[in-house]
Amino acid sequence: MGRRRRWNESGLKAYLAAVREERSAAAGEEPEDPEERAREFLMLGLRRTAGVSLAEAAERAGADRLARWRGRMKIFIEDGLLLDDNVLLRLTPRGMLLSNEIFQTLFAPESPT
């Protein structure tokens, strides 16, 4: 919502009580993290068979961040897990099966230099 993330009560009883009492079921909130939002956009987009538009990814994630990620993607392209035609990024059928491992490597924290 806006530039903040909110989450509801995790327990069903607490959630239903809030709804019955016509009050918010929100249990907490935090400010938006641009890096996390960019990762989520790319990760969720790659889980779709249509893939992700590179132009939209650059707009949402920023050209520098996307370039960094594309550098890490090379190994997955070479292994036949990811397709990059300079317009779209898409996981191959085998890449879909290994997507969690791909995302873990792709979004790993930067190593200190």
Protein backbone atom coordinates (compact mmCIF):
# COMPACT_ATOMS: atom_id res chain seq x y z
CA MET A 1 0.00 0.00 0.00
CA GLY A 2 1.70 3.15 -1.10
CA ARG A 3 5.29 3.02 0.05
CA ARG A 4 4.65 0.78 3.07
CA ARG A 5 4.07 -2.93 3.41
CA ARG A 6 1.45 -4.21 5.79
CA TRP A 7 0.57 -7.68 6.93
CA ASN A 8 -2.45 -9.10 8.68
CA GLU A 9 -2.75 -11.14 11.83
CA SER A 10 -1.28 -14.57 11.21
CA GLY A 11 -3.63 -16.41 13.53
CA LEU A 12 -7.09 -17.12 12.16
CA LYS A 13 -8.82 -16.37 15.49
CA ALA A 14 -7.16 -12.95 15.83
CA TYR A 15 -7.89 -12.12 12.19
CA LEU A 16 -11.56 -13.12 12.45
CA ALA A 17 -11.96 -11.21 15.73
CA ALA A 18 -10.64 -8.04 14.06
CA VAL A 19 -13.03 -8.48 11.14
CA ARG A 20 -16.00 -9.15 13.44
CA GLU A 21 -15.15 -6.04 15.46
CA GLU A 22 -14.84 -4.03 12.23
CA ARG A 23 -11.28 -2.99 12.99
CA SER A 24 -8.11 -3.41 11.04
CA ALA A 25 -6.63 -6.89 10.98
CA ALA A 26 -3.18 -5.40 10.26
CA ALA A 27 -0.52 -6.78 12.57
CA GLY A 28 2.38 -4.61 11.43
CA GLU A 29 3.99 -2.56 8.71
CA GLU A 30 7.38 -1.60 7.38
CA PRO A 31 8.73 0.88 4.83
CA GLU A 32 9.24 -0.26 1.27
CA ASP A 33 12.71 -1.55 0.39
CA PRO A 34 13.46 -0.68 -3.28
CA GLU A 35 15.99 -3.53 -3.62
CA GLU A 36 13.49 -6.05 -2.30
CA ARG A 37 10.72 -4.74 -4.55
CA ALA A 38 13.00 -5.05 -7.58
CA ARG A 39 13.96 -8.62 -6.64
CA GLU A 40 10.32 -9.55 -6.18
CA PHE A 41 9.36 -8.07 -9.53
CA LEU A 42 12.03 -10.07 -11.35
CA MET A 43 11.45 -13.27 -9.38
CA LEU A 44 7.68 -13.24 -9.82
CA GLY A 45 7.98 -12.29 -13.47
CA LEU A 46 10.41 -15.09 -14.20
CA ARG A 47 8.01 -17.59 -12.65
CA ARG A 48 5.56 -16.74 -15.46
CA THR A 49 5.98 -18.64 -18.73
CA ALA A 50 5.88 -15.30 -20.60
CA GLY A 51 8.91 -14.12 -18.63
CA VAL A 52 9.92 -10.52 -17.94
CA SER A 53 10.34 -7.60 -20.29
CA LEU A 54 13.88 -6.27 -19.98
CA ALA A 55 12.63 -2.73 -20.59
CA GLU A 56 10.15 -2.98 -17.71
CA ALA A 57 12.74 -4.68 -15.50
CA ALA A 58 15.20 -1.83 -16.15
CA GLU A 59 12.50 0.72 -15.37
CA ARG A 60 11.45 -0.97 -12.13
CA ALA A 61 14.80 -2.23 -10.89
CA GLY A 62 17.11 0.37 -12.37
CA ALA A 63 19.57 -0.19 -15.20
CA ASP A 64 22.58 -0.71 -12.89
CA ARG A 65 20.84 -3.30 -10.73
CA LEU A 66 19.51 -5.14 -13.79
CA ALA A 67 22.98 -5.14 -15.40
CA ARG A 68 24.43 -6.66 -12.21
CA TRP A 69 21.78 -9.39 -12.21
CA ARG A 70 22.22 -10.08 -15.93
CA GLY A 71 25.92 -10.62 -15.27
CA ARG A 72 25.01 -13.29 -12.74
CA MET A 73 22.52 -14.83 -15.20
CA LYS A 74 25.19 -15.80 -17.73
CA ILE A 75 25.87 -19.16 -16.09
CA PHE A 76 22.16 -20.01 -16.15
CA ILE A 77 21.94 -19.07 -19.83
CA GLU A 78 24.97 -21.24 -20.60
CA ASP A 79 23.41 -24.13 -18.66
CA GLY A 80 20.15 -23.83 -20.62
CA LEU A 81 18.09 -22.71 -17.63
CA LEU A 82 17.39 -19.14 -18.69
CA LEU A 83 16.71 -17.47 -22.04
CA ASP A 84 17.74 -13.86 -22.70
CA ASP A 85 16.91 -12.56 -26.19
CA ASN A 86 17.63 -8.90 -25.25
CA VAL A 87 13.87 -8.25 -25.12
CA LEU A 88 12.62 -10.85 -22.64
CA LEU A 89 14.07 -12.95 -19.86
CA ARG A 90 12.43 -16.36 -19.45
CA LEU A 91 13.16 -19.52 -17.55
CA THR A 92 13.29 -22.67 -19.64
CA PRO A 93 11.12 -25.62 -18.53
CA ARG A 94 14.16 -27.06 -16.72
CA GLY A 95 14.90 -23.61 -15.29
CA MET A 96 11.36 -23.49 -13.87
CA LEU A 97 12.09 -26.69 -11.97
CA LEU A 98 15.28 -25.19 -10.53
CA SER A 99 13.98 -21.64 -10.08
CA ASN A 100 14.48 -21.50 -6.30
CA GLU A 101 18.17 -22.37 -6.69
CA ILE A 102 18.52 -19.86 -9.53
CA PHE A 103 16.96 -17.06 -7.48
CA GLN A 104 19.10 -17.89 -4.46
CA THR A 105 22.25 -17.46 -6.55
CA LEU A 106 20.93 -14.52 -8.55
CA PHE A 107 19.98 -12.47 -5.50
CA ALA A 108 22.81 -13.48 -3.17
CA PRO A 109 24.38 -10.53 -1.33
CA GLU A 110 27.33 -8.87 -3.00
CA SER A 111 30.73 -10.15 -1.86
CA PRO A 112 32.92 -7.50 -0.24
CA THR A 113 35.80 -6.50 -2.48
